[in-house]
Protein backbone atom coordinates (compact mmCIF):
# COMPACT_ATOMS: atom_id res chain seq x y z
CA VAL A 1 13.19 -0.35 9.09
CA GLN A 2 13.02 -1.26 5.74
CA LEU A 3 10.30 -2.22 3.64
CA GLN A 4 10.30 -4.56 1.16
CA ALA A 5 7.59 -5.21 -1.03
CA PHE A 6 6.12 -7.09 -4.30
CA GLY A 7 3.88 -9.31 -5.75
CA GLY A 8 3.19 -6.61 -8.62
CA GLY A 9 2.79 -8.38 -12.77
CA LEU A 10 1.84 -7.26 -16.34
CA VAL A 11 -2.12 -8.40 -15.59
CA GLN A 12 -5.36 -8.30 -17.59
CA PRO A 13 -8.04 -6.37 -17.15
CA GLY A 14 -10.36 -7.95 -14.16
CA ALA A 15 -7.34 -10.33 -12.94
CA CYS A 16 -6.92 -10.43 -9.40
CA LEU A 17 -2.83 -9.35 -8.05
CA ARG A 18 -1.99 -9.89 -4.64
CA LEU A 19 1.32 -7.43 -3.47
CA SER A 20 3.06 -7.76 0.29
CA CYS A 21 4.97 -5.82 1.60
CA VAL A 22 7.65 -7.49 4.74
CA ALA A 23 9.28 -4.57 7.01
CA SER A 24 13.01 -5.48 8.99
CA GLY A 25 14.24 -3.45 11.47
CA ARG A 26 12.91 -1.96 14.28
CA PRO A 27 9.15 -3.63 16.26
CA PHE A 28 6.36 -2.13 14.38
CA GLY A 29 3.45 -2.21 17.11
CA SER A 30 2.08 2.21 16.62
CA TYR A 31 2.91 2.17 13.64
CA ALA A 32 0.11 2.59 10.38
CA TRP A 33 0.77 1.06 7.64
CA GLY A 34 -0.06 3.09 3.88
CA TRP A 35 -0.61 1.50 -0.13
CA PHE A 36 0.30 4.48 -2.29
CA ARG A 37 0.60 4.52 -6.59
CA GLN A 38 2.25 6.52 -8.89
CA ALA A 39 1.26 6.35 -12.57
CA PRO A 40 3.64 7.61 -14.98
CA GLY A 41 3.79 11.32 -15.10
CA LYS A 42 1.11 12.13 -11.89
CA ASP A 43 1.34 12.42 -8.70
CA ARG A 44 1.83 9.70 -6.03
CA GLU A 45 -1.99 8.43 -4.84
CA PHE A 46 -2.98 7.05 -1.22
CA VAL A 47 -4.43 3.69 -1.93
CA ALA A 48 -5.21 2.76 1.82
CA THR A 49 -4.24 2.58 4.90
CA ILE A 50 -3.97 0.33 7.90
CA THR A 51 -3.54 0.98 11.48
CA TRP A 52 -0.62 -1.64 12.95
CA ARG A 53 -3.15 -2.82 16.61
CA ALA A 54 -6.55 -2.19 16.04
CA GLY A 55 -6.70 -2.87 12.34
CA LYS A 56 -8.52 0.04 11.29
CA LYS A 57 -8.76 0.15 7.37
CA THR A 58 -9.07 3.76 5.21
CA TYR A 59 -9.24 3.83 1.75
CA ALA A 60 -9.50 5.34 -1.28
CA ASP A 61 -12.81 6.64 -2.97
CA SER A 62 -11.38 5.42 -6.96
CA ILE A 63 -10.39 2.21 -5.25
CA GLN A 64 -12.51 0.28 -2.93
CA GLY A 65 -14.53 -2.45 -2.80
CA ARG A 66 -11.92 -3.66 -5.65
CA PHE A 67 -8.52 -3.52 -3.20
CA THR A 68 -8.16 -4.99 1.05
CA ILE A 69 -6.17 -3.86 2.38
CA SER A 70 -4.42 -6.77 5.51
CA ARG A 71 -1.57 -7.09 8.10
CA ASP A 72 0.19 -10.17 9.40
CA SER A 73 2.08 -8.84 13.05
CA ALA A 74 3.83 -11.73 13.58
CA THR A 75 5.53 -11.25 10.16
CA ASN A 76 5.09 -7.99 9.86
CA THR A 77 3.80 -8.05 6.56
CA VAL A 78 1.40 -5.78 5.20
CA TYR A 79 -0.74 -6.92 2.09
CA LEU A 80 -3.11 -5.59 -0.66
CA GLN A 81 -5.40 -7.27 -1.89
CA MET A 82 -6.44 -5.83 -5.67
CA ASN A 83 -9.37 -7.43 -7.41
CA ASN A 84 -11.09 -6.89 -10.86
CA LEU A 85 -8.05 -4.54 -11.95
CA LYS A 86 -8.82 -2.26 -14.32
CA PRO A 87 -5.77 -0.17 -16.89
CA GLU A 88 -5.94 2.53 -14.79
CA ASP A 89 -4.46 1.05 -11.68
CA THR A 90 -1.54 0.76 -13.25
CA ALA A 91 1.75 2.30 -11.54
CA ILE A 92 4.52 1.91 -9.53
CA TYR A 93 2.87 0.75 -5.28
CA TYR A 94 4.83 1.44 -2.66
CA CYS A 95 4.10 0.53 0.74
CA ALA A 96 4.57 2.94 3.52
CA ALA A 97 5.23 3.25 7.77
CA ASP A 98 3.95 6.18 10.05
CA GLN A 99 5.58 5.69 13.06
CA GLY A 100 2.67 8.30 13.83
CA LYS A 101 4.73 11.67 14.93
CA LYS A 102 3.83 13.00 12.08
CA THR A 103 -0.09 13.68 13.26
CA HIS A 104 -0.44 16.78 11.23
CA TYR A 105 -0.86 15.10 8.04
CA THR A 106 -3.79 12.09 7.45
CA PRO A 107 -3.40 9.23 6.76
CA ASP A 108 -3.93 9.95 3.07
CA HIS A 109 -0.86 12.32 2.66
CA HIS A 110 2.39 11.04 1.31
CA ARG A 111 4.02 13.54 4.14
CA ARG A 112 3.04 11.45 6.66
CA TYR A 113 4.54 8.08 6.92
CA ASP A 114 8.04 8.58 7.60
CA TYR A 115 9.69 4.83 5.62
CA TRP A 116 8.66 4.04 2.43
CA GLY A 117 9.83 0.79 -0.03
CA GLN A 118 10.83 0.13 -3.04
CA GLY A 119 7.97 0.02 -4.72
CA THR A 120 6.58 -2.79 -6.88
CA GLN A 121 4.92 -2.56 -10.86
CA VAL A 122 1.37 -3.04 -11.65
CA THR A 123 0.29 -3.19 -15.36
CA VAL A 124 -3.14 -4.12 -16.17
CA SER A 125 -3.24 -4.67 -20.03
CA SER A 126 -5.38 -6.95 -22.54
């Protein structure tokens, strides 16, 4: 399983970006996907997660109402639409895949996830 994230960039406050994460390798029918982010000097932070089959979505409070996670089963791609970006959203954004085997961790815990993409930088600055 390999994940590749892209779509980051430098934008002004209030702008939008859409991140994409493409998976290759084993079938993903039973997995969930997540987005996390890590700002300089801070711990990795949960952003959003979506279950692969049912499409159930969960969001961090900090981005609720501004970000939307979605997936395309046909292309094994998960998206993170980010609207009304703020300087505090600046971070490296990582996508991750959950095999459903570490259920002792909650979906917002990074240890639940088995595979990680390389990260894509999002910088929000005027």
